[in-house]
N, C-alpha and C. Protein backbone atom coordinates (compact mmCIF):
# COMPACT_ATOMS: atom_id res chain seq x y z
N MET A 1 -16.83 16.50 1.31
CA MET A 1 -16.48 15.33 2.10
C MET A 1 -16.82 14.06 1.33
N GLN A 2 -16.00 13.06 1.53
CA GLN A 2 -16.20 11.78 0.87
C GLN A 2 -15.98 10.67 1.90
N ALA A 3 -16.78 9.63 1.85
CA ALA A 3 -16.66 8.54 2.81
C ALA A 3 -15.74 7.46 2.26
N ILE A 4 -14.86 6.93 3.12
CA ILE A 4 -14.06 5.76 2.79
C ILE A 4 -14.34 4.70 3.83
N ASN A 5 -13.99 3.46 3.51
CA ASN A 5 -14.27 2.35 4.42
C ASN A 5 -13.28 1.23 4.16
N ASP A 6 -13.19 0.27 5.05
CA ASP A 6 -12.38 -0.91 4.80
C ASP A 6 -13.30 -2.06 4.38
N ILE A 7 -12.75 -3.23 4.23
CA ILE A 7 -13.51 -4.36 3.70
C ILE A 7 -14.67 -4.77 4.61
N THR A 8 -14.59 -4.48 5.89
CA THR A 8 -15.67 -4.86 6.81
C THR A 8 -16.89 -3.96 6.68
N GLU A 9 -16.69 -2.79 6.07
CA GLU A 9 -17.76 -1.78 5.95
C GLU A 9 -18.22 -1.27 7.31
N LEU A 10 -17.38 -1.43 8.34
CA LEU A 10 -17.71 -0.98 9.70
C LEU A 10 -16.95 0.27 10.11
N ASN A 11 -16.03 0.72 9.29
CA ASN A 11 -15.13 1.82 9.68
C ASN A 11 -15.24 3.00 8.73
N ARG A 12 -16.44 3.49 8.53
CA ARG A 12 -16.70 4.62 7.62
C ARG A 12 -16.11 5.90 8.21
N ILE A 13 -15.32 6.59 7.40
CA ILE A 13 -14.69 7.84 7.82
C ILE A 13 -14.89 8.87 6.73
N LEU A 14 -15.30 10.08 7.10
CA LEU A 14 -15.47 11.16 6.14
C LEU A 14 -14.16 11.94 6.01
N VAL A 15 -13.60 11.92 4.80
CA VAL A 15 -12.37 12.66 4.52
C VAL A 15 -12.70 13.82 3.60
N ALA A 16 -11.83 14.82 3.54
CA ALA A 16 -12.08 16.00 2.71
C ALA A 16 -12.09 15.64 1.23
N SER A 17 -11.12 14.84 0.82
CA SER A 17 -11.04 14.41 -0.58
C SER A 17 -10.20 13.15 -0.67
N VAL A 18 -10.35 12.45 -1.79
CA VAL A 18 -9.61 11.21 -2.03
C VAL A 18 -8.84 11.34 -3.33
N ALA A 19 -7.55 11.01 -3.28
CA ALA A 19 -6.72 10.96 -4.48
C ALA A 19 -6.27 9.52 -4.66
N ARG A 20 -6.19 9.07 -5.91
CA ARG A 20 -5.82 7.68 -6.21
C ARG A 20 -4.58 7.64 -7.10
N PRO A 21 -3.40 7.89 -6.52
CA PRO A 21 -2.18 7.88 -7.32
C PRO A 21 -1.85 6.46 -7.80
N ALA A 22 -1.16 6.38 -8.94
CA ALA A 22 -0.77 5.09 -9.50
C ALA A 22 0.73 4.83 -9.38
N CYS A 23 1.48 5.84 -8.93
CA CYS A 23 2.93 5.67 -8.82
C CYS A 23 3.48 6.65 -7.78
N THR A 24 4.73 6.45 -7.43
CA THR A 24 5.35 7.30 -6.40
C THR A 24 5.50 8.75 -6.86
N THR A 25 5.65 8.98 -8.15
CA THR A 25 5.73 10.35 -8.66
C THR A 25 4.43 11.09 -8.39
N GLU A 26 3.30 10.43 -8.60
CA GLU A 26 2.01 11.05 -8.31
C GLU A 26 1.83 11.29 -6.82
N VAL A 27 2.30 10.37 -5.98
CA VAL A 27 2.23 10.57 -4.52
C VAL A 27 3.03 11.81 -4.14
N ALA A 28 4.24 11.93 -4.66
CA ALA A 28 5.09 13.08 -4.35
C ALA A 28 4.44 14.39 -4.78
N THR A 29 3.84 14.41 -5.96
CA THR A 29 3.16 15.61 -6.45
C THR A 29 2.00 16.00 -5.54
N LEU A 30 1.22 15.01 -5.13
CA LEU A 30 0.10 15.27 -4.22
C LEU A 30 0.59 15.80 -2.87
N MET A 31 1.65 15.22 -2.35
CA MET A 31 2.19 15.65 -1.06
C MET A 31 2.72 17.08 -1.12
N ARG A 32 3.41 17.41 -2.21
CA ARG A 32 3.92 18.77 -2.36
C ARG A 32 2.80 19.79 -2.58
N GLY A 33 1.66 19.33 -3.11
CA GLY A 33 0.59 20.25 -3.47
C GLY A 33 -0.47 20.47 -2.42
N THR A 34 -0.29 19.94 -1.23
CA THR A 34 -1.32 20.12 -0.19
C THR A 34 -0.71 20.68 1.08
N ASP A 35 -1.54 21.42 1.80
CA ASP A 35 -1.13 21.88 3.12
C ASP A 35 -2.06 21.30 4.19
N MET A 36 -2.93 20.38 3.78
CA MET A 36 -3.84 19.77 4.74
C MET A 36 -3.27 18.44 5.25
N PRO A 37 -3.77 17.94 6.37
CA PRO A 37 -3.33 16.63 6.86
C PRO A 37 -3.64 15.55 5.81
N VAL A 38 -2.80 14.52 5.79
CA VAL A 38 -2.93 13.44 4.81
C VAL A 38 -3.12 12.12 5.54
N SER A 39 -4.03 11.29 5.03
CA SER A 39 -4.20 9.93 5.53
C SER A 39 -3.99 8.97 4.35
N ILE A 40 -3.71 7.71 4.68
CA ILE A 40 -3.32 6.74 3.64
C ILE A 40 -4.12 5.47 3.77
N GLY A 41 -4.56 4.92 2.65
CA GLY A 41 -5.20 3.61 2.58
C GLY A 41 -4.46 2.76 1.58
N GLY A 42 -4.36 1.47 1.87
CA GLY A 42 -3.63 0.57 0.98
C GLY A 42 -4.56 -0.27 0.15
N GLY A 43 -4.48 -1.59 0.36
CA GLY A 43 -5.27 -2.51 -0.44
C GLY A 43 -6.68 -2.71 0.05
N TYR A 44 -7.01 -2.24 1.26
CA TYR A 44 -8.34 -2.40 1.86
C TYR A 44 -8.75 -3.87 1.96
N PHE A 45 -7.77 -4.74 2.19
CA PHE A 45 -8.04 -6.16 2.28
C PHE A 45 -8.63 -6.54 3.64
N SER A 46 -8.33 -5.77 4.67
CA SER A 46 -8.79 -6.12 6.01
C SER A 46 -8.84 -4.87 6.87
N MET A 47 -9.34 -5.04 8.08
CA MET A 47 -9.30 -3.93 9.03
C MET A 47 -7.84 -3.60 9.29
N GLY A 48 -7.54 -2.33 9.43
CA GLY A 48 -6.18 -1.93 9.71
C GLY A 48 -5.35 -1.67 8.47
N SER A 49 -5.91 -1.90 7.27
CA SER A 49 -5.12 -1.64 6.08
C SER A 49 -5.22 -0.18 5.66
N GLN A 50 -5.86 0.61 6.47
CA GLN A 50 -5.95 2.03 6.19
C GLN A 50 -5.74 2.81 7.48
N THR A 51 -5.24 3.98 7.32
CA THR A 51 -5.14 4.91 8.43
C THR A 51 -5.79 6.20 7.94
N ALA A 52 -6.97 6.49 8.40
CA ALA A 52 -7.69 7.67 7.92
C ALA A 52 -8.13 8.51 9.10
N SER A 53 -8.22 9.79 8.83
CA SER A 53 -8.71 10.74 9.82
C SER A 53 -9.73 11.65 9.14
N PRO A 54 -10.75 12.04 9.86
CA PRO A 54 -11.75 12.93 9.28
C PRO A 54 -11.13 14.22 8.78
N GLY A 55 -11.61 14.67 7.61
CA GLY A 55 -11.20 15.96 7.07
C GLY A 55 -9.85 15.99 6.39
N THR A 56 -9.26 14.86 6.11
CA THR A 56 -7.92 14.82 5.50
C THR A 56 -8.00 14.63 3.99
N LEU A 57 -6.87 14.86 3.33
CA LEU A 57 -6.67 14.40 1.96
C LEU A 57 -6.29 12.94 2.11
N HIS A 58 -7.11 12.05 1.59
CA HIS A 58 -6.87 10.61 1.74
C HIS A 58 -6.21 10.08 0.47
N LEU A 59 -5.04 9.49 0.62
CA LEU A 59 -4.36 8.86 -0.51
C LEU A 59 -4.77 7.40 -0.56
N ASP A 60 -5.55 7.04 -1.56
CA ASP A 60 -5.98 5.66 -1.77
C ASP A 60 -4.93 5.02 -2.67
N LEU A 61 -4.07 4.20 -2.10
CA LEU A 61 -2.95 3.61 -2.84
C LEU A 61 -3.31 2.29 -3.51
N SER A 62 -4.60 1.96 -3.61
CA SER A 62 -5.01 0.66 -4.15
C SER A 62 -4.59 0.45 -5.61
N ARG A 63 -4.34 1.52 -6.35
CA ARG A 63 -3.86 1.36 -7.74
C ARG A 63 -2.38 0.98 -7.78
N MET A 64 -1.70 1.16 -6.68
CA MET A 64 -0.27 0.82 -6.60
C MET A 64 -0.15 -0.62 -6.10
N ASN A 65 -0.50 -1.56 -6.98
CA ASN A 65 -0.64 -2.96 -6.56
C ASN A 65 0.19 -3.93 -7.40
N ARG A 66 1.33 -3.47 -7.88
CA ARG A 66 2.14 -4.32 -8.75
C ARG A 66 3.42 -4.80 -8.08
N VAL A 67 3.86 -5.95 -8.52
CA VAL A 67 5.21 -6.43 -8.19
C VAL A 67 6.11 -5.80 -9.24
N LEU A 68 7.08 -4.98 -8.82
CA LEU A 68 7.92 -4.24 -9.75
C LEU A 68 9.16 -5.01 -10.19
N ARG A 69 9.71 -5.78 -9.28
CA ARG A 69 10.94 -6.51 -9.62
C ARG A 69 11.00 -7.78 -8.79
N LEU A 70 11.43 -8.84 -9.41
CA LEU A 70 11.58 -10.12 -8.74
C LEU A 70 13.02 -10.57 -8.89
N GLU A 71 13.65 -10.91 -7.77
CA GLU A 71 15.02 -11.42 -7.74
C GLU A 71 14.99 -12.80 -7.10
N PRO A 72 14.71 -13.86 -7.88
CA PRO A 72 14.54 -15.19 -7.31
C PRO A 72 15.77 -15.71 -6.56
N VAL A 73 16.95 -15.46 -7.06
CA VAL A 73 18.16 -15.98 -6.40
C VAL A 73 18.33 -15.36 -5.02
N ALA A 74 18.06 -14.08 -4.91
CA ALA A 74 18.18 -13.38 -3.62
C ALA A 74 16.91 -13.52 -2.78
N ALA A 75 15.86 -14.13 -3.34
CA ALA A 75 14.56 -14.28 -2.67
C ALA A 75 14.01 -12.92 -2.25
N ARG A 76 14.05 -11.95 -3.20
CA ARG A 76 13.54 -10.60 -2.94
C ARG A 76 12.66 -10.14 -4.09
N MET A 77 11.75 -9.24 -3.77
CA MET A 77 10.98 -8.57 -4.80
C MET A 77 10.71 -7.14 -4.36
N ARG A 78 10.61 -6.26 -5.33
CA ARG A 78 10.23 -4.88 -5.07
C ARG A 78 8.76 -4.75 -5.42
N ILE A 79 8.00 -4.22 -4.47
CA ILE A 79 6.55 -4.16 -4.62
C ILE A 79 6.05 -2.73 -4.41
N GLN A 80 4.84 -2.47 -4.89
CA GLN A 80 4.18 -1.21 -4.61
C GLN A 80 3.38 -1.34 -3.32
N ALA A 81 2.86 -0.23 -2.84
CA ALA A 81 2.26 -0.15 -1.51
C ALA A 81 1.07 -1.07 -1.27
N ALA A 82 0.23 -1.31 -2.26
CA ALA A 82 -1.01 -2.06 -2.02
C ALA A 82 -1.00 -3.47 -2.60
N VAL A 83 0.17 -3.99 -2.89
CA VAL A 83 0.22 -5.35 -3.45
C VAL A 83 -0.21 -6.35 -2.37
N SER A 84 -0.93 -7.38 -2.80
CA SER A 84 -1.40 -8.38 -1.85
C SER A 84 -0.38 -9.50 -1.69
N ALA A 85 -0.49 -10.23 -0.60
CA ALA A 85 0.39 -11.39 -0.39
C ALA A 85 0.17 -12.40 -1.50
N GLY A 86 -1.07 -12.56 -1.95
CA GLY A 86 -1.37 -13.48 -3.03
C GLY A 86 -0.66 -13.10 -4.32
N ALA A 87 -0.62 -11.80 -4.63
CA ALA A 87 0.08 -11.34 -5.83
C ALA A 87 1.58 -11.58 -5.73
N MET A 88 2.13 -11.39 -4.52
CA MET A 88 3.56 -11.66 -4.34
C MET A 88 3.84 -13.13 -4.55
N CYS A 89 3.00 -14.00 -4.01
CA CYS A 89 3.21 -15.44 -4.16
C CYS A 89 3.04 -15.87 -5.61
N SER A 90 2.06 -15.31 -6.30
CA SER A 90 1.86 -15.64 -7.72
C SER A 90 3.06 -15.21 -8.56
N ALA A 91 3.57 -14.02 -8.29
CA ALA A 91 4.70 -13.51 -9.06
C ALA A 91 5.94 -14.36 -8.86
N SER A 92 6.09 -14.92 -7.67
CA SER A 92 7.31 -15.66 -7.37
C SER A 92 7.12 -17.17 -7.43
N SER A 93 5.93 -17.62 -7.78
CA SER A 93 5.63 -19.06 -7.88
C SER A 93 5.90 -19.80 -6.57
N ILE A 94 5.57 -19.16 -5.44
CA ILE A 94 5.72 -19.80 -4.15
C ILE A 94 4.35 -20.03 -3.54
N ARG A 95 4.28 -20.82 -2.52
CA ARG A 95 2.99 -21.13 -1.91
C ARG A 95 2.64 -20.20 -0.76
N THR A 96 3.60 -19.78 0.03
CA THR A 96 3.29 -18.94 1.19
C THR A 96 4.33 -17.85 1.35
N VAL A 97 3.95 -16.80 2.04
CA VAL A 97 4.87 -15.75 2.43
C VAL A 97 5.06 -15.87 3.92
N SER A 98 6.29 -15.95 4.37
CA SER A 98 6.56 -16.07 5.79
C SER A 98 6.12 -14.80 6.51
N PRO A 99 5.13 -14.86 7.41
CA PRO A 99 4.63 -13.65 8.05
C PRO A 99 5.68 -12.95 8.90
N SER A 100 6.60 -13.69 9.47
CA SER A 100 7.59 -13.05 10.32
C SER A 100 8.68 -12.34 9.50
N ARG A 101 8.78 -12.67 8.23
CA ARG A 101 9.79 -12.04 7.38
C ARG A 101 9.16 -11.43 6.14
N SER A 102 7.89 -11.03 6.21
CA SER A 102 7.21 -10.59 5.00
C SER A 102 7.79 -9.31 4.42
N CYS A 103 8.24 -8.40 5.24
CA CYS A 103 8.83 -7.17 4.72
C CYS A 103 10.04 -6.78 5.55
N LYS A 104 11.00 -6.19 4.91
CA LYS A 104 12.22 -5.76 5.58
C LYS A 104 12.59 -4.38 5.04
N ARG A 105 12.92 -3.47 5.89
CA ARG A 105 13.31 -2.13 5.48
C ARG A 105 14.79 -2.17 5.11
N THR A 106 15.13 -1.65 3.95
CA THR A 106 16.52 -1.65 3.51
C THR A 106 17.14 -0.30 3.79
N ARG A 107 18.46 -0.21 3.63
CA ARG A 107 19.14 1.06 3.86
C ARG A 107 18.70 2.15 2.88
N THR A 108 18.17 1.76 1.74
CA THR A 108 17.73 2.74 0.75
C THR A 108 16.27 3.15 0.96
N SER A 109 15.70 2.77 2.10
CA SER A 109 14.32 3.11 2.47
C SER A 109 13.30 2.52 1.52
N ARG A 110 13.61 1.40 0.90
CA ARG A 110 12.63 0.69 0.06
C ARG A 110 12.18 -0.52 0.83
N TRP A 111 10.90 -0.87 0.66
CA TRP A 111 10.38 -2.07 1.31
C TRP A 111 10.57 -3.23 0.35
N VAL A 112 11.15 -4.29 0.83
CA VAL A 112 11.41 -5.47 0.02
C VAL A 112 10.75 -6.65 0.68
N ALA A 113 9.97 -7.39 -0.06
CA ALA A 113 9.31 -8.58 0.48
C ALA A 113 10.26 -9.76 0.38
N HIS A 114 10.37 -10.53 1.43
CA HIS A 114 11.20 -11.74 1.45
C HIS A 114 10.28 -12.95 1.50
N CYS A 115 10.33 -13.77 0.48
CA CYS A 115 9.49 -14.97 0.43
C CYS A 115 10.37 -16.19 0.46
N ARG A 116 9.84 -17.24 1.07
CA ARG A 116 10.58 -18.52 1.12
C ARG A 116 10.17 -19.38 -0.04
């Protein structure tokens, strides 16, 4: 068993094991290789940035924190699971990310951040 927590240090949960994939290929390999329940943690920036359950294989996605593609004309970027709003703003040279339009699900099942 291994303990995980969020930034508040108030939500300690014992999981069976923790894996730290760096890309979607590693996530897919881990998912295919387990028969146990899986829980997921992202950037651990705040409460609610993780969904964990006791006794699970916990995927810590904090290494998946890059902006993969920036399309300034279309005001879109492709990001990994644990990228922060600050990293998105830095990559796009903008000041804020509109909270009501921060992410949009596309028909290809990719998450795309929309920044103003």
